[in-house]
């Protein structure tokens, strides 16, 4: 099978990771790099591919089969629209847009043109997440009652020194980190229809939040609580429990989610299950049966590139569509609004 030709726009940290996975892939190959920065020429030289300053220049010279947009957030929509006009399938890094209005504009343009857009919520390609969703849908846990989640980690001082905007509103864990968690929660439990939140900046004293307590209401009636903090000396986060990103120290005995049903509970990512043998055994005086589900651990970024190649070939539909990416952004935006106003905020498309 002829390999799919993919260009990467943006040769920063995440762009380099996409380039690495494309180069390792058997189903696709790197065709070009798009980035006006001087360092991009060095990256292109090492990869033995041409470098272009803009997407227009790329499409005029050698239109690829697909484009990965790993550029700054505020460029995502305009660059994705360029790809759509050229009829080129696109993998847009998350967030799909920097505002809800711009995200809607992108979705509508892609749907009118019938051009495939995959949003880079790479955790959705994780075997851990797939296994958790499979267990929930198997009804082993019974009717889902709720979920307890957390993302608790400590960002060092140099994280803020390197980019002072992270100390300002919009640079905190709600808009930077929570969008990943929203994607996971929607996949495992279902659509989030309303949120409440309290935010605090008491630890660092920056104008932006460092800790957030969130309540979630799901369309299926389940409720959830989530504790988010980037100033917590804790390993209870996806990065420090999933063992998927080798840049982080990991602790395989830790979990960051517990999904609870009427018949049992699932801890993620350890995949430890406690469940009752039958309805007649359901009582807090009765012991649980226990088991741990097995799964194969692979790099979700590698799986995402393979999926993108399948989307381009027409063998698959995007696992995370532009509409999915937009809804993740909408829920995250609603959490920020709830924290700011103290109100319950719905997450329907009317927002």
Protein backbone atom coordinates (compact mmCIF):
# COMPACT_ATOMS: atom_id res chain seq x y z
CA UNK A 1 0.00 0.00 0.00
CA UNK A 2 1.36 3.42 -0.94
CA UNK A 3 2.09 5.48 2.15
CA UNK A 4 -0.02 8.55 2.94
CA UNK A 5 1.90 11.83 2.54
CA UNK A 6 1.43 14.13 5.54
CA UNK A 7 2.78 17.66 6.06
CA UNK A 8 3.21 19.10 9.55
CA UNK A 9 2.57 22.80 10.17
CA UNK A 10 4.40 23.95 13.28
CA UNK A 11 7.80 22.61 14.32
CA UNK A 12 7.43 23.26 18.05
CA UNK A 13 7.26 20.67 20.82
CA UNK A 14 4.03 18.95 19.77
CA UNK A 15 4.87 19.34 16.07
CA UNK A 16 8.15 17.50 16.62
CA UNK A 17 6.26 14.66 18.33
CA UNK A 18 3.94 14.37 15.33
CA UNK A 19 6.95 14.37 12.99
CA UNK A 20 8.54 11.61 15.07
CA UNK A 21 5.43 9.42 14.92
CA UNK A 22 4.96 9.98 11.17
CA UNK A 23 8.56 8.98 10.55
CA UNK A 24 8.08 5.77 12.55
CA UNK A 25 4.80 4.89 10.81
CA UNK A 26 4.49 2.22 8.14
CA UNK A 27 1.31 3.70 6.68
CA UNK A 28 2.33 7.33 6.20
CA UNK A 29 5.40 9.46 5.58
CA UNK A 30 6.44 13.05 6.20
CA UNK A 31 6.15 15.13 3.02
CA UNK A 32 6.94 18.66 4.25
CA UNK A 33 7.19 21.06 7.18
CA UNK A 34 5.36 24.39 7.24
CA UNK A 35 6.84 26.96 9.60
CA UNK A 36 8.39 30.41 9.00
CA UNK A 37 10.69 30.16 12.03
CA UNK A 38 14.41 29.74 11.23
CA UNK A 39 14.73 26.57 13.32
CA UNK A 40 12.16 24.84 11.09
CA UNK A 41 14.72 24.74 8.27
CA UNK A 42 17.04 22.68 10.49
CA UNK A 43 14.23 20.29 11.37
CA UNK A 44 13.33 19.90 7.68
CA UNK A 45 16.96 19.33 6.74
CA UNK A 46 17.29 16.56 9.32
CA UNK A 47 14.04 14.99 8.11
CA UNK A 48 15.10 15.40 4.44
CA UNK A 49 11.86 17.14 3.46
CA UNK A 50 11.13 20.62 2.06
CA UNK A 51 10.12 23.49 4.33
CA UNK A 52 7.52 26.12 3.43
CA UNK A 53 6.70 29.40 5.11
CA UNK A 54 2.92 29.08 4.71
CA UNK A 55 0.17 26.66 3.79
CA UNK A 56 -0.50 28.66 0.62
CA UNK A 57 3.08 28.08 -0.45
CA UNK A 58 2.81 24.38 0.38
CA UNK A 59 -0.42 23.87 -1.57
CA UNK A 60 0.94 25.77 -4.56
CA UNK A 61 4.04 23.57 -4.77
CA UNK A 62 3.05 20.08 -3.63
CA UNK A 63 -0.36 19.37 -2.07
CA UNK A 64 -0.07 16.54 0.49
CA UNK A 65 -2.68 13.91 1.35
CA UNK A 66 -3.15 15.43 4.80
CA UNK A 67 -1.92 18.18 7.11
CA UNK A 68 -1.25 18.19 10.85
CA UNK A 69 -1.78 21.63 12.39
CA UNK A 70 0.49 21.89 15.44
CA UNK A 71 0.55 25.67 15.47
CA UNK A 72 -0.47 28.21 18.19
CA UNK A 73 -4.13 27.99 19.20
CA UNK A 74 -5.16 31.30 17.66
CA UNK A 75 -4.02 30.09 14.23
CA UNK A 76 -5.96 26.82 14.23
CA UNK A 77 -9.19 28.02 12.65
CA UNK A 78 -7.77 30.15 9.84
CA UNK A 79 -5.23 27.49 8.91
CA UNK A 80 -7.82 24.72 9.06
CA UNK A 81 -10.03 26.79 6.77
CA UNK A 82 -7.13 27.03 4.30
CA UNK A 83 -6.85 23.23 4.34
CA UNK A 84 -10.61 22.87 3.87
CA UNK A 85 -10.58 25.21 0.88
CA UNK A 86 -7.77 23.11 -0.60
CA UNK A 87 -9.76 19.90 0.06
CA UNK A 88 -7.03 18.47 2.33
CA UNK A 89 -7.98 16.37 5.41
CA UNK A 90 -6.62 17.94 8.59
CA UNK A 91 -5.57 16.90 12.08
CA UNK A 92 -6.01 20.03 14.21
CA UNK A 93 -4.28 20.03 17.57
CA UNK A 94 -6.52 20.78 20.53
CA UNK A 95 -8.19 23.09 21.24
CA UNK A 96 -9.98 23.06 17.91
CA UNK A 97 -10.39 26.85 18.18
CA UNK A 98 -9.54 29.70 20.53
CA UNK A 99 -13.20 30.76 20.87
CA UNK A 100 -16.55 29.00 20.59
CA UNK A 101 -17.68 31.25 17.74
CA UNK A 102 -14.56 30.45 15.72
CA UNK A 103 -14.99 26.74 16.45
CA UNK A 104 -18.54 26.84 15.11
CA UNK A 105 -17.29 28.60 11.97
CA UNK A 106 -14.74 25.85 11.41
CA UNK A 107 -17.26 23.04 11.97
CA UNK A 108 -19.75 24.53 9.55
CA UNK A 109 -17.10 25.08 6.87
CA UNK A 110 -15.82 21.50 7.15
CA UNK A 111 -19.34 20.08 6.97
CA UNK A 112 -20.27 22.18 3.93
CA UNK A 113 -17.10 21.15 2.08
CA UNK A 114 -17.24 17.48 3.21
CA UNK A 115 -13.58 17.64 4.22
CA UNK A 116 -12.49 15.41 7.13
CA UNK A 117 -11.21 17.13 10.28
CA UNK A 118 -9.72 15.13 13.16
CA UNK A 119 -9.07 17.01 16.43
CA UNK A 120 -5.92 16.10 18.36
CA UNK A 121 -7.39 14.95 21.65
CA UNK A 122 -4.85 12.13 21.60
CA UNK A 123 -6.00 10.47 24.83
CA UNK A 124 -9.09 9.26 22.96
CA UNK A 125 -6.75 6.88 21.12
CA UNK A 126 -5.41 5.41 24.38
CA UNK A 127 -6.04 1.69 24.99
CA UNK A 128 -6.60 2.62 28.64
CA UNK A 129 -9.49 4.86 27.73
CA UNK A 130 -10.84 2.34 25.22
CA UNK A 131 -10.82 -0.38 27.89
CA UNK A 132 -12.56 1.89 30.42
CA UNK A 133 -15.29 2.73 27.89
CA UNK A 134 -15.70 -0.95 27.05
CA UNK A 135 -16.17 -1.88 30.72
CA UNK A 136 -18.71 0.91 31.30
CA UNK A 137 -20.71 -0.12 28.23
CA UNK A 138 -20.61 -3.81 29.20
CA UNK A 139 -23.00 -2.97 32.10
CA UNK A 140 -20.73 -4.85 34.51
CA UNK A 141 -20.90 -1.76 36.74
CA UNK A 142 -24.67 -1.49 36.40
CA UNK A 143 -26.32 1.89 35.90
CA UNK A 144 -23.69 4.61 36.16
CA UNK A 145 -24.23 6.76 39.26
CA UNK A 146 -21.25 9.06 39.11
CA UNK A 147 -17.55 9.67 38.66
CA UNK A 148 -14.82 11.02 40.93
CA UNK A 149 -11.90 12.51 39.04
CA UNK A 150 -8.79 14.55 39.64
CA UNK A 151 -5.81 16.09 37.92
CA UNK A 152 -3.42 16.99 40.73
CA UNK A 153 0.17 17.91 39.85
CA UNK A 154 2.80 20.56 40.53
CA UNK A 155 4.01 22.93 37.82
CA UNK A 156 7.48 24.22 38.75
CA UNK A 157 8.36 27.91 38.92
CA UNK A 158 10.25 27.90 35.62
CA UNK A 159 7.01 26.88 33.84
CA UNK A 160 5.67 30.35 34.65
CA UNK A 161 8.99 32.16 34.20
CA UNK A 162 9.33 30.82 30.64
CA UNK A 163 5.86 32.10 29.67
CA UNK A 164 4.63 34.89 31.98
CA UNK A 165 1.17 34.83 30.32
CA UNK A 166 0.56 31.61 32.28
CA UNK A 167 0.26 33.75 35.42
CA UNK A 168 -2.66 35.66 33.91
CA UNK A 169 -6.35 34.75 33.37
CA UNK A 170 -6.58 32.15 30.61
CA UNK A 171 -3.20 30.67 31.52
CA UNK A 172 -4.39 28.46 34.38
CA UNK A 173 -5.28 24.79 34.56
CA UNK A 174 -8.94 25.26 33.56
CA UNK A 175 -8.20 26.33 30.00
CA UNK A 176 -4.81 24.60 29.60
CA UNK A 177 -5.36 21.22 31.28
CA UNK A 178 -9.06 20.63 31.92
CA UNK A 179 -9.93 20.24 28.23
CA UNK A 180 -8.08 16.88 28.26
CA UNK A 181 -10.13 15.72 31.25
CA UNK A 182 -13.40 16.82 29.66
CA UNK A 183 -12.63 14.66 26.63
CA UNK A 184 -11.94 11.65 28.85
CA UNK A 185 -15.05 12.16 30.99
CA UNK A 186 -17.34 12.55 27.97
CA UNK A 187 -15.93 9.36 26.46
CA UNK A 188 -16.30 7.27 29.63
CA UNK A 189 -19.48 8.61 31.26
CA UNK A 190 -21.39 10.53 28.58
CA UNK A 191 -22.34 14.06 27.64
CA UNK A 192 -21.87 16.76 30.29
CA UNK A 193 -24.93 19.03 30.38
CA UNK A 194 -24.17 21.42 33.26
CA UNK A 195 -21.29 22.43 35.54
CA UNK A 196 -20.58 24.28 38.78
CA UNK A 197 -17.15 25.37 39.97
CA UNK A 198 -15.17 27.10 42.70
CA UNK A 199 -11.69 28.42 41.82
CA UNK A 200 -8.91 29.65 44.11
CA UNK A 201 -5.52 31.28 43.67
CA UNK A 202 -4.61 31.17 47.37
CA UNK A 203 -1.42 29.14 46.97
CA UNK A 204 0.51 31.11 44.35
CA UNK A 205 -1.46 34.34 44.50
CA UNK A 206 -1.35 34.83 40.71
CA UNK A 207 -4.28 36.58 38.97
CA UNK A 208 -5.15 33.15 37.52
CA UNK A 209 -6.55 30.13 39.36
CA UNK A 210 -4.30 27.35 40.65
CA UNK A 211 -6.97 25.07 42.17
CA UNK A 212 -10.54 24.34 41.06
CA UNK A 213 -13.33 22.18 42.48
CA UNK A 214 -15.89 21.21 39.83
CA UNK A 215 -19.32 19.57 39.89
CA UNK A 216 -20.59 17.88 36.73
CA UNK A 217 -24.06 16.81 35.60
CA UNK A 218 -24.28 14.21 32.82
CA UNK A 219 -27.11 13.67 30.35
CA UNK A 220 -27.67 10.11 31.64
CA UNK A 221 -28.37 11.39 35.16
CA UNK A 222 -24.94 10.61 36.60
CA UNK A 223 -23.13 13.24 38.66
CA UNK A 224 -19.43 13.91 39.01
CA UNK A 225 -16.86 15.74 41.08
CA UNK A 226 -13.45 16.80 39.85
CA UNK A 227 -10.52 18.39 41.69
CA UNK A 228 -7.98 20.22 39.52
CA UNK A 229 -4.76 21.82 40.74
CA UNK A 230 -1.38 22.69 39.25
CA UNK A 231 0.11 23.43 42.68
CA UNK A 232 -0.51 20.04 44.30
CA UNK A 233 2.25 17.72 45.45
CA UNK A 234 0.41 14.70 44.09
CA UNK A 235 0.73 12.02 41.42
CA UNK A 236 -3.00 11.67 40.81
CA UNK A 237 -3.07 12.88 37.22
CA UNK A 238 -3.37 11.12 33.85
CA UNK A 239 0.25 11.83 32.96
CA UNK A 240 1.57 10.41 36.24
CA UNK A 241 -0.66 7.34 36.27
CA UNK A 242 -1.14 6.22 32.65
CA UNK A 243 2.57 5.53 31.94
CA UNK A 244 1.98 6.75 28.36
CA UNK A 245 4.28 9.79 28.36
CA UNK A 246 7.80 8.82 29.40
CA UNK A 247 8.65 12.45 30.22
CA UNK A 248 6.76 12.03 33.51
CA UNK A 249 7.53 9.90 36.52
CA UNK A 250 4.69 7.43 36.88
CA UNK A 251 3.12 5.55 39.76
CA UNK A 252 1.25 2.42 38.63
CA UNK A 253 -0.65 2.07 41.92
CA UNK A 254 -2.36 5.49 41.53
CA UNK A 255 -5.69 6.28 39.85
CA UNK A 256 -7.15 9.54 38.61
CA UNK A 257 -10.75 8.41 37.98
CA UNK A 258 -13.25 6.19 39.77
CA UNK A 259 -16.44 5.43 37.83
CA UNK A 260 -19.24 4.21 40.07
CA UNK A 261 -22.32 2.22 39.11
CA UNK A 262 -25.13 0.48 40.96
CA UNK A 263 -23.30 -2.86 40.74
CA UNK A 264 -19.65 -1.90 41.08
CA UNK A 265 -16.86 0.56 40.44
CA UNK A 266 -13.92 0.91 38.05
CA UNK A 267 -10.66 2.67 38.92
CA UNK A 268 -8.75 4.17 35.99
CA UNK A 269 -6.04 3.64 34.82
CA UNK A 270 -5.23 0.64 37.04
CA UNK A 271 -8.42 -1.04 35.72
CA UNK A 272 -9.24 -2.42 39.16
CA UNK A 273 -12.90 -3.43 39.42
CA UNK A 274 -14.98 -4.10 42.52
CA UNK A 275 -18.41 -5.58 41.79
CA UNK A 276 -21.24 -7.54 43.32
CA UNK A 277 -21.93 -11.11 42.21
CA UNK A 278 -25.60 -10.29 41.64
CA UNK A 279 -28.41 -7.91 42.54
CA UNK A 280 -29.24 -9.91 45.65
CA UNK A 281 -25.66 -9.37 46.90
CA UNK A 282 -25.76 -5.59 46.70
CA UNK A 283 -25.25 -4.33 50.25
CA UNK A 284 -22.55 -2.42 52.06
CA UNK A 285 -22.35 -5.40 54.42
CA UNK A 286 -21.54 -7.79 51.55
CA UNK A 287 -18.03 -8.29 50.14
CA UNK A 288 -17.15 -7.35 46.56
CA UNK A 289 -15.68 -9.57 43.93
CA UNK A 290 -12.50 -8.00 42.56
CA UNK A 291 -10.60 -8.24 39.30
CA UNK A 292 -8.11 -6.25 37.25
CA UNK A 293 -8.66 -5.94 33.51
CA UNK A 294 -5.68 -6.42 31.21
CA UNK A 295 -4.91 -4.21 28.23
CA UNK A 296 -2.04 -3.49 25.84
CA UNK A 297 -0.35 -0.15 26.54
CA UNK A 298 0.69 1.82 23.42
CA UNK A 299 1.51 5.46 22.69
CA UNK A 300 -1.78 7.22 21.86
CA UNK A 301 0.04 9.76 19.66
CA UNK A 302 1.25 6.90 17.46
CA UNK A 303 -2.26 5.43 17.36
CA UNK A 304 -3.67 8.84 16.47
CA UNK A 305 -1.37 9.18 13.43
CA UNK A 306 -2.36 5.71 12.22
CA UNK A 307 -6.01 6.64 12.64
CA UNK A 308 -5.48 9.89 10.72
CA UNK A 309 -3.97 7.90 7.85
CA UNK A 310 -7.05 5.62 7.88
CA UNK A 311 -9.33 8.69 7.82
CA UNK A 312 -7.45 10.07 4.81
CA UNK A 313 -7.73 6.73 2.98
CA UNK A 314 -11.47 6.67 3.70
CA UNK A 315 -11.20 3.56 5.87
CA UNK A 316 -12.40 5.31 9.06
CA UNK A 317 -14.38 8.28 10.27
CA UNK A 318 -12.64 10.73 12.67
CA UNK A 319 -12.76 9.40 16.23
CA UNK A 320 -12.71 13.00 17.50
CA UNK A 321 -14.64 15.16 15.04
CA UNK A 322 -14.57 18.94 14.86
CA UNK A 323 -17.93 18.89 16.68
CA UNK A 324 -16.43 16.73 19.45
CA UNK A 325 -13.52 19.12 19.80
CA UNK A 326 -15.93 22.04 19.90
CA UNK A 327 -17.98 20.42 22.67
CA UNK A 328 -14.83 19.79 24.75
CA UNK A 329 -14.05 23.49 24.36
CA UNK A 330 -17.64 24.45 25.22
CA UNK A 331 -17.59 22.45 28.49
CA UNK A 332 -14.20 23.84 29.47
CA UNK A 333 -15.38 27.37 28.73
CA UNK A 334 -18.49 26.71 30.86
CA UNK A 335 -16.32 25.63 33.80
CA UNK A 336 -14.35 28.86 33.55
CA UNK A 337 -17.62 30.84 33.46
CA UNK A 338 -19.05 28.93 36.42
CA UNK A 339 -15.91 29.60 38.46
CA UNK A 340 -16.06 33.29 37.57
CA UNK A 341 -19.79 33.82 38.20
CA UNK A 342 -20.66 31.26 40.86
CA UNK A 343 -23.59 30.13 38.70
CA UNK A 344 -24.63 26.75 37.30
CA UNK A 345 -23.72 26.91 33.61
CA UNK A 346 -25.26 24.62 31.00
CA UNK A 347 -23.13 23.21 28.20
CA UNK A 348 -25.69 22.94 25.41
CA UNK A 349 -25.03 24.15 21.89
CA UNK A 350 -27.04 27.32 22.56
CA UNK A 351 -24.06 28.74 24.49
